[in-house]
Amino acid sequence: MIKYKSNDDEENYHNGIIRTKCAQDAELDITFINLLNTKSNNFESFENILENNASIKFTIIDFGGKRSISNYFSLLKRK
């Protein structure tokens, strides 16, 4: 679980990258929670590499931010 929050009185900026690599037959669950205030900007990129029969499950809970933009990229590797 990854959780971001901010002070209600300040303008903040979050620009993050989450990189994952799942080996063969692996399972990964990620919960991402954005609780930034309404003066803040949130930019998040999810980059994944999955080998044979691997799986990644993302749960995005996005309550905060003046702007919140997410980008997803997955590379499926076969052997």
PDB file of N, CA and C in Angstrom:
ATOM      1  N   MET A   1       0.854  -1.160   0.000  1.00  0.00           N
ATOM      2  CA  MET A   1       0.000   0.000   0.000  1.00  0.00           C
ATOM      3  C   MET A   1       0.905   1.229   0.000  1.00  0.00           C
ATOM      4  N   ILE A   2       0.598   2.153  -0.901  1.00  0.00           N
ATOM      5  CA  ILE A   2       1.330   3.414  -1.009  1.00  0.00           C
ATOM      6  C   ILE A   2       0.321   4.533  -0.812  1.00  0.00           C
ATOM      7  N   LYS A   3       0.586   5.409   0.157  1.00  0.00           N
ATOM      8  CA  LYS A   3      -0.381   6.452   0.503  1.00  0.00           C
ATOM      9  C   LYS A   3       0.323   7.807   0.498  1.00  0.00           C
ATOM     10  N   TYR A   4      -0.268   8.780  -0.227  1.00  0.00           N
ATOM     11  CA  TYR A   4       0.241  10.143  -0.267  1.00  0.00           C
ATOM     12  C   TYR A   4      -0.790  11.073   0.338  1.00  0.00           C
ATOM     13  N   LYS A   5      -0.336  11.971   1.208  1.00  0.00           N
ATOM     14  CA  LYS A   5      -1.231  13.006   1.722  1.00  0.00           C
ATOM     15  C   LYS A   5      -0.417  14.280   1.937  1.00  0.00           C
ATOM     16  N   SER A   6      -1.119  15.399   2.085  1.00  0.00           N
ATOM     17  CA  SER A   6      -0.432  16.680   2.200  1.00  0.00           C
ATOM     18  C   SER A   6      -1.082  17.553   3.255  1.00  0.00           C
ATOM     19  N   ASN A   7      -0.379  18.606   3.616  1.00  0.00           N
ATOM     20  CA  ASN A   7      -0.889  19.617   4.528  1.00  0.00           C
ATOM     21  C   ASN A   7      -1.980  20.404   3.808  1.00  0.00           C
ATOM     22  N   ASP A   8      -3.099  20.649   4.458  1.00  0.00           N
ATOM     23  CA  ASP A   8      -4.225  21.335   3.816  1.00  0.00           C
ATOM     24  C   ASP A   8      -3.949  22.787   3.443  1.00  0.00           C
ATOM     25  N   ASP A   9      -2.924  23.395   4.020  1.00  0.00           N
ATOM     26  CA  ASP A   9      -2.682  24.816   3.781  1.00  0.00           C
ATOM     27  C   ASP A   9      -1.637  25.094   2.706  1.00  0.00           C
ATOM     28  N   GLU A  10      -0.945  24.094   2.211  1.00  0.00           N
ATOM     29  CA  GLU A  10       0.169  24.317   1.300  1.00  0.00           C
ATOM     30  C   GLU A  10      -0.102  23.757  -0.096  1.00  0.00           C
ATOM     31  N   GLU A  11       0.439  24.438  -1.089  1.00  0.00           N
ATOM     32  CA  GLU A  11       0.408  23.927  -2.461  1.00  0.00           C
ATOM     33  C   GLU A  11       1.569  22.954  -2.609  1.00  0.00           C
ATOM     34  N   ASN A  12       1.274  21.737  -3.066  1.00  0.00           N
ATOM     35  CA  ASN A  12       2.290  20.694  -3.202  1.00  0.00           C
ATOM     36  C   ASN A  12       2.289  20.125  -4.615  1.00  0.00           C
ATOM     37  N   TYR A  13       3.327  19.372  -4.906  1.00  0.00           N
ATOM     38  CA  TYR A  13       3.507  18.761  -6.212  1.00  0.00           C
ATOM     39  C   TYR A  13       4.083  17.366  -6.000  1.00  0.00           C
ATOM     40  N   HIS A  14       3.456  16.370  -6.581  1.00  0.00           N
ATOM     41  CA  HIS A  14       3.987  15.007  -6.528  1.00  0.00           C
ATOM     42  C   HIS A  14       4.129  14.488  -7.948  1.00  0.00           C
ATOM     43  N   ASN A  15       5.331  14.028  -8.295  1.00  0.00           N
ATOM     44  CA  ASN A  15       5.596  13.436  -9.597  1.00  0.00           C
ATOM     45  C   ASN A  15       6.342  12.134  -9.328  1.00  0.00           C
ATOM     46  N   GLY A  16       5.628  11.010  -9.368  1.00  0.00           N
ATOM     47  CA  GLY A  16       6.230   9.742  -8.981  1.00  0.00           C
ATOM     48  C   GLY A  16       6.219   8.701 -10.082  1.00  0.00           C
ATOM     49  N   ILE A  17       7.148   7.753  -9.940  1.00  0.00           N
ATOM     50  CA  ILE A  17       7.218   6.597 -10.840  1.00  0.00           C
ATOM     51  C   ILE A  17       7.271   5.349  -9.969  1.00  0.00           C
ATOM     52  N   ILE A  18       6.378   4.425 -10.237  1.00  0.00           N
ATOM     53  CA  ILE A  18       6.402   3.127  -9.573  1.00  0.00           C
ATOM     54  C   ILE A  18       6.765   2.092 -10.629  1.00  0.00           C
ATOM     55  N   ARG A  19       7.911   1.431 -10.433  1.00  0.00           N
ATOM     56  CA  ARG A  19       8.373   0.418 -11.382  1.00  0.00           C
ATOM     57  C   ARG A  19       8.276  -0.951 -10.710  1.00  0.00           C
ATOM     58  N   THR A  20       7.678  -1.899 -11.423  1.00  0.00           N
ATOM     59  CA  THR A  20       7.560  -3.250 -10.894  1.00  0.00           C
ATOM     60  C   THR A  20       8.075  -4.250 -11.915  1.00  0.00           C
ATOM     61  N   LYS A  21       8.568  -5.370 -11.397  1.00  0.00           N
ATOM     62  CA  LYS A  21       8.966  -6.484 -12.254  1.00  0.00           C
ATOM     63  C   LYS A  21       8.443  -7.752 -11.602  1.00  0.00           C
ATOM     64  N   CYS A  22       7.596  -8.460 -12.337  1.00  0.00           N
ATOM     65  CA  CYS A  22       7.024  -9.714 -11.837  1.00  0.00           C
ATOM     66  C   CYS A  22       7.665 -10.885 -12.573  1.00  0.00           C
ATOM     67  N   ALA A  23       8.310 -11.742 -11.799  1.00  0.00           N
ATOM     68  CA  ALA A  23       8.916 -12.938 -12.373  1.00  0.00           C
ATOM     69  C   ALA A  23       7.823 -13.927 -12.783  1.00  0.00           C
ATOM     70  N   GLN A  24       8.225 -14.957 -13.455  1.00  0.00           N
ATOM     71  CA  GLN A  24       7.272 -15.967 -13.930  1.00  0.00           C
ATOM     72  C   GLN A  24       6.404 -16.481 -12.790  1.00  0.00           C
ATOM     73  N   ASP A  25       5.096 -16.546 -13.028  1.00  0.00           N
ATOM     74  CA  ASP A  25       4.074 -17.054 -12.103  1.00  0.00           C
ATOM     75  C   ASP A  25       3.882 -16.197 -10.841  1.00  0.00           C
ATOM     76  N   ALA A  26       4.482 -15.026 -10.781  1.00  0.00           N
ATOM     77  CA  ALA A  26       4.341 -14.156  -9.602  1.00  0.00           C
ATOM     78  C   ALA A  26       3.036 -13.373  -9.666  1.00  0.00           C
ATOM     79  N   GLU A  27       2.533 -13.003  -8.484  1.00  0.00           N
ATOM     80  CA  GLU A  27       1.343 -12.154  -8.373  1.00  0.00           C
ATOM     81  C   GLU A  27       1.689 -10.980  -7.471  1.00  0.00           C
ATOM     82  N   LEU A  28       1.295  -9.790  -7.884  1.00  0.00           N
ATOM     83  CA  LEU A  28       1.589  -8.578  -7.122  1.00  0.00           C
ATOM     84  C   LEU A  28       0.325  -7.736  -7.032  1.00  0.00           C
ATOM     85  N   ASP A  29      -0.010  -7.290  -5.820  1.00  0.00           N
ATOM     86  CA  ASP A  29      -1.148  -6.393  -5.596  1.00  0.00           C
ATOM     87  C   ASP A  29      -0.614  -5.086  -5.030  1.00  0.00           C
ATOM     88  N   ILE A  30      -0.955  -3.969  -5.669  1.00  0.00           N
ATOM     89  CA  ILE A  30      -0.534  -2.647  -5.218  1.00  0.00           C
ATOM     90  C   ILE A  30      -1.775  -1.782  -5.042  1.00  0.00           C
ATOM     91  N   THR A  31      -1.879  -1.133  -3.890  1.00  0.00           N
ATOM     92  CA  THR A  31      -2.941  -0.159  -3.643  1.00  0.00           C
ATOM     93  C   THR A  31      -2.280   1.198  -3.507  1.00  0.00           C
ATOM     94  N   PHE A  32      -2.713   2.143  -4.325  1.00  0.00           N
ATOM     95  CA  PHE A  32      -2.169   3.495  -4.364  1.00  0.00           C
ATOM     96  C   PHE A  32      -3.271   4.449  -3.919  1.00  0.00           C
ATOM     97  N   ILE A  33      -3.009   5.234  -2.852  1.00  0.00           N
ATOM     98  CA  ILE A  33      -4.020   6.125  -2.292  1.00  0.00           C
ATOM     99  C   ILE A  33      -3.514   7.565  -2.353  1.00  0.00           C
ATOM    100  N   ASN A  34      -4.238   8.417  -3.070  1.00  0.00           N
ATOM    101  CA  ASN A  34      -3.901   9.836  -3.189  1.00  0.00           C
ATOM    102  C   ASN A  34      -4.858  10.641  -2.309  1.00  0.00           C
ATOM    103  N   LEU A  35      -4.296  11.268  -1.267  1.00  0.00           N
ATOM    104  CA  LEU A  35      -5.083  12.107  -0.363  1.00  0.00           C
ATOM    105  C   LEU A  35      -4.516  13.536  -0.326  1.00  0.00           C
ATOM    106  N   LEU A  36      -3.917  13.974  -1.428  1.00  0.00           N
ATOM    107  CA  LEU A  36      -3.366  15.330  -1.477  1.00  0.00           C
ATOM    108  C   LEU A  36      -4.483  16.361  -1.389  1.00  0.00           C
ATOM    109  N   ASN A  37      -4.157  17.564  -0.922  1.00  0.00           N
ATOM    110  CA  ASN A  37      -5.175  18.605  -0.796  1.00  0.00           C
ATOM    111  C   ASN A  37      -5.571  19.158  -2.171  1.00  0.00           C
ATOM    112  N   THR A  38      -6.568  20.021  -2.207  1.00  0.00           N
ATOM    113  CA  THR A  38      -7.100  20.530  -3.482  1.00  0.00           C
ATOM    114  C   THR A  38      -6.228  21.611  -4.112  1.00  0.00           C
ATOM    115  N   LYS A  39      -5.106  21.960  -3.498  1.00  0.00           N
ATOM    116  CA  LYS A  39      -4.148  22.904  -4.081  1.00  0.00           C
ATOM    117  C   LYS A  39      -2.980  22.177  -4.736  1.00  0.00           C
ATOM    118  N   SER A  40      -2.949  20.867  -4.645  1.00  0.00           N
ATOM    119  CA  SER A  40      -1.797  20.081  -5.074  1.00  0.00           C
ATOM    120  C   SER A  40      -2.020  19.405  -6.422  1.00  0.00           C
ATOM    121  N   ASN A  41      -0.906  19.154  -7.114  1.00  0.00           N
ATOM    122  CA  ASN A  41      -0.928  18.419  -8.383  1.00  0.00           C
ATOM    123  C   ASN A  41      -0.269  17.064  -8.179  1.00  0.00           C
ATOM    124  N   ASN A  42      -0.860  16.033  -8.758  1.00  0.00           N
ATOM    125  CA  ASN A  42      -0.350  14.677  -8.633  1.00  0.00           C
ATOM    126  C   ASN A  42      -0.164  14.074 -10.020  1.00  0.00           C
ATOM    127  N   PHE A  43       1.059  13.630 -10.305  1.00  0.00           N
ATOM    128  CA  PHE A  43       1.380  12.970 -11.569  1.00  0.00           C
ATOM    129  C   PHE A  43       2.082  11.662 -11.215  1.00  0.00           C
ATOM    130  N   GLU A  44       1.510  10.554 -11.639  1.00  0.00           N
ATOM    131  CA  GLU A  44       2.045   9.237 -11.275  1.00  0.00           C
ATOM    132  C   GLU A  44       2.166   8.367 -12.515  1.00  0.00           C
ATOM    133  N   SER A  45       3.286   7.666 -12.615  1.00  0.00           N
ATOM    134  CA  SER A  45       3.528   6.755 -13.727  1.00  0.00           C
ATOM    135  C   SER A  45       3.765   5.357 -13.163  1.00  0.00           C
ATOM    136  N   PHE A  46       3.090   4.364 -13.744  1.00  0.00           N
ATOM    137  CA  PHE A  46       3.246   2.969 -13.358  1.00  0.00           C
ATOM    138  C   PHE A  46       3.888   2.228 -14.527  1.00  0.00           C
ATOM    139  N   GLU A  47       5.090   1.671 -14.308  1.00  0.00           N
ATOM    140  CA  GLU A  47       5.818   0.956 -15.355  1.00  0.00           C
ATOM    141  C   GLU A  47       6.032  -0.481 -14.895  1.00  0.00           C
ATOM    142  N   ASN A  48       5.625  -1.436 -15.733  1.00  0.00           N
ATOM    143  CA  ASN A  48       5.623  -2.843 -15.329  1.00  0.00           C
ATOM    144  C   ASN A  48       6.317  -3.725 -16.352  1.00  0.00           C
ATOM    145  N   ILE A  49       7.009  -4.744 -15.842  1.00  0.00           N
ATOM    146  CA  ILE A  49       7.546  -5.817 -16.674  1.00  0.00           C
ATOM    147  C   ILE A  49       6.984  -7.115 -16.116  1.00  0.00           C
ATOM    148  N   LEU A  50       6.299  -7.867 -16.964  1.00  0.00           N
ATOM    149  CA  LEU A  50       5.687  -9.125 -16.540  1.00  0.00           C
ATOM    150  C   LEU A  50       6.239 -10.277 -17.365  1.00  0.00           C
ATOM    151  N   GLU A  51       6.720 -11.309 -16.679  1.00  0.00           N
ATOM    152  CA  GLU A  51       7.172 -12.515 -17.355  1.00  0.00           C
ATOM    153  C   GLU A  51       6.003 -13.495 -17.463  1.00  0.00           C
ATOM    154  N   ASN A  52       6.233 -14.667 -18.033  1.00  0.00           N
ATOM    155  CA  ASN A  52       5.171 -15.650 -18.284  1.00  0.00           C
ATOM    156  C   ASN A  52       4.294 -15.897 -17.059  1.00  0.00           C
ATOM    157  N   ASN A  53       2.986 -15.828 -17.258  1.00  0.00           N
ATOM    158  CA  ASN A  53       1.972 -16.115 -16.245  1.00  0.00           C
ATOM    159  C   ASN A  53       2.046 -15.228 -15.009  1.00  0.00           C
ATOM    160  N   ALA A  54       2.695 -14.100 -15.084  1.00  0.00           N
ATOM    161  CA  ALA A  54       2.741 -13.163 -13.963  1.00  0.00           C
ATOM    162  C   ALA A  54       1.547 -12.215 -14.043  1.00  0.00           C
ATOM    163  N   SER A  55       1.161 -11.653 -12.889  1.00  0.00           N
ATOM    164  CA  SER A  55       0.056 -10.700 -12.909  1.00  0.00           C
ATOM    165  C   SER A  55       0.293  -9.592 -11.880  1.00  0.00           C
ATOM    166  N   ILE A  56      -0.148  -8.399 -12.242  1.00  0.00           N
ATOM    167  CA  ILE A  56      -0.096  -7.249 -11.346  1.00  0.00           C
ATOM    168  C   ILE A  56      -1.498  -6.664 -11.271  1.00  0.00           C
ATOM    169  N   LYS A  57      -1.957  -6.429 -10.056  1.00  0.00           N
ATOM    170  CA  LYS A  57      -3.267  -5.816  -9.839  1.00  0.00           C
ATOM    171  C   LYS A  57      -3.044  -4.471  -9.147  1.00  0.00           C
ATOM    172  N   PHE A  58      -3.477  -3.393  -9.803  1.00  0.00           N
ATOM    173  CA  PHE A  58      -3.407  -2.060  -9.226  1.00  0.00           C
ATOM    174  C   PHE A  58      -4.797  -1.640  -8.771  1.00  0.00           C
ATOM    175  N   THR A  59      -4.884  -1.112  -7.558  1.00  0.00           N
ATOM    176  CA  THR A  59      -6.092  -0.470  -7.081  1.00  0.00           C
ATOM    177  C   THR A  59      -5.720   0.978  -6.816  1.00  0.00           C
ATOM    178  N   ILE A  60      -6.352   1.897  -7.547  1.00  0.00           N
ATOM    179  CA  ILE A  60      -6.056   3.316  -7.427  1.00  0.00           C
ATOM    180  C   ILE A  60      -7.227   3.989  -6.718  1.00  0.00           C
ATOM    181  N   ILE A  61      -6.944   4.614  -5.579  1.00  0.00           N
ATOM    182  CA  ILE A  61      -7.943   5.376  -4.840  1.00  0.00           C
ATOM    183  C   ILE A  61      -7.486   6.825  -4.906  1.00  0.00           C
ATOM    184  N   ASP A  62      -8.193   7.619  -5.689  1.00  0.00           N
ATOM    185  CA  ASP A  62      -7.726   8.964  -6.042  1.00  0.00           C
ATOM    186  C   ASP A  62      -8.726   9.998  -5.543  1.00  0.00           C
ATOM    187  N   PHE A  63      -8.590  10.425  -4.298  1.00  0.00           N
ATOM    188  CA  PHE A  63      -9.492  11.410  -3.701  1.00  0.00           C
ATOM    189  C   PHE A  63      -8.949  12.832  -3.794  1.00  0.00           C
ATOM    190  N   GLY A  64      -7.654  12.995  -3.910  1.00  0.00           N
ATOM    191  CA  GLY A  64      -7.066  14.315  -3.731  1.00  0.00           C
ATOM    192  C   GLY A  64      -6.479  14.918  -4.984  1.00  0.00           C
ATOM    193  N   GLY A  65      -6.076  16.173  -4.811  1.00  0.00           N
ATOM    194  CA  GLY A  65      -5.353  16.886  -5.846  1.00  0.00           C
ATOM    195  C   GLY A  65      -6.216  17.807  -6.679  1.00  0.00           C
ATOM    196  N   LYS A  66      -5.626  18.936  -7.004  1.00  0.00           N
ATOM    197  CA  LYS A  66      -6.240  19.860  -7.959  1.00  0.00           C
ATOM    198  C   LYS A  66      -6.291  19.183  -9.331  1.00  0.00           C
ATOM    199  N   ARG A  67      -5.169  18.549  -9.676  1.00  0.00           N
ATOM    200  CA  ARG A  67      -5.056  17.745 -10.896  1.00  0.00           C
ATOM    201  C   ARG A  67      -4.410  16.423 -10.500  1.00  0.00           C
ATOM    202  N   SER A  68      -4.889  15.348 -11.077  1.00  0.00           N
ATOM    203  CA  SER A  68      -4.292  14.038 -10.828  1.00  0.00           C
ATOM    204  C   SER A  68      -4.279  13.268 -12.143  1.00  0.00           C
ATOM    205  N   ILE A  69      -3.077  12.955 -12.600  1.00  0.00           N
ATOM    206  CA  ILE A  69      -2.911  12.282 -13.893  1.00  0.00           C
ATOM    207  C   ILE A  69      -2.057  11.036 -13.679  1.00  0.00           C
ATOM    208  N   SER A  70      -2.525   9.902 -14.197  1.00  0.00           N
ATOM    209  CA  SER A  70      -1.794   8.645 -14.082  1.00  0.00           C
ATOM    210  C   SER A  70      -1.504   8.086 -15.464  1.00  0.00           C
ATOM    211  N   ASN A  71      -0.359   7.417 -15.589  1.00  0.00           N
ATOM    212  CA  ASN A  71       0.073   6.804 -16.833  1.00  0.00           C
ATOM    213  C   ASN A  71       0.472   5.354 -16.530  1.00  0.00           C
ATOM    214  N   TYR A  72       0.040   4.421 -17.372  1.00  0.00           N
ATOM    215  CA  TYR A  72       0.338   3.008 -17.178  1.00  0.00           C
ATOM    216  C   TYR A  72       1.053   2.467 -18.401  1.00  0.00           C
ATOM    217  N   PHE A  73       2.114   1.680 -18.168  1.00  0.00           N
ATOM    218  CA  PHE A  73       2.839   1.015 -19.254  1.00  0.00           C
ATOM    219  C   PHE A  73       3.229  -0.369 -18.771  1.00  0.00           C
ATOM    220  N   SER A  74       2.963  -1.383 -19.577  1.00  0.00           N
ATOM    221  CA  SER A  74       3.350  -2.753 -19.235  1.00  0.00           C
ATOM    222  C   SER A  74       4.043  -3.414 -20.408  1.00  0.00           C
ATOM    223  N   LEU A  75       5.136  -4.105 -20.110  1.00  0.00           N
ATOM    224  CA  LEU A  75       5.881  -4.878 -21.090  1.00  0.00           C
ATOM    225  C   LEU A  75       5.696  -6.344 -20.744  1.00  0.00           C
ATOM    226  N   LEU A  76       5.140  -7.110 -21.690  1.00  0.00           N
ATOM    227  CA  LEU A  76       4.923  -8.541 -21.482  1.00  0.00           C
ATOM    228  C   LEU A  76       6.084  -9.303 -22.102  1.00  0.00           C
ATOM    229  N   LYS A  77       6.872  -9.969 -21.262  1.00  0.00           N
ATOM    230  CA  LYS A  77       8.041 -10.716 -21.745  1.00  0.00           C
ATOM    231  C   LYS A  77       7.683 -12.195 -21.826  1.00  0.00           C
ATOM    232  N   ARG A  78       7.991 -12.808 -22.931  1.00  0.00           N
ATOM    233  CA  ARG A  78       7.744 -14.234 -23.131  1.00  0.00           C
ATOM    234  C   ARG A  78       9.083 -14.946 -23.299  1.00  0.00           C
ATOM    235  N   LYS A  79       9.191 -16.116 -22.708  1.00  0.00           N
ATOM    236  CA  LYS A  79      10.433 -16.905 -22.843  1.00  0.00           C
ATOM    237  C   LYS A  79      10.206 -18.068 -23.743  1.00  0.00           C
TER     238      LYS A  79
END
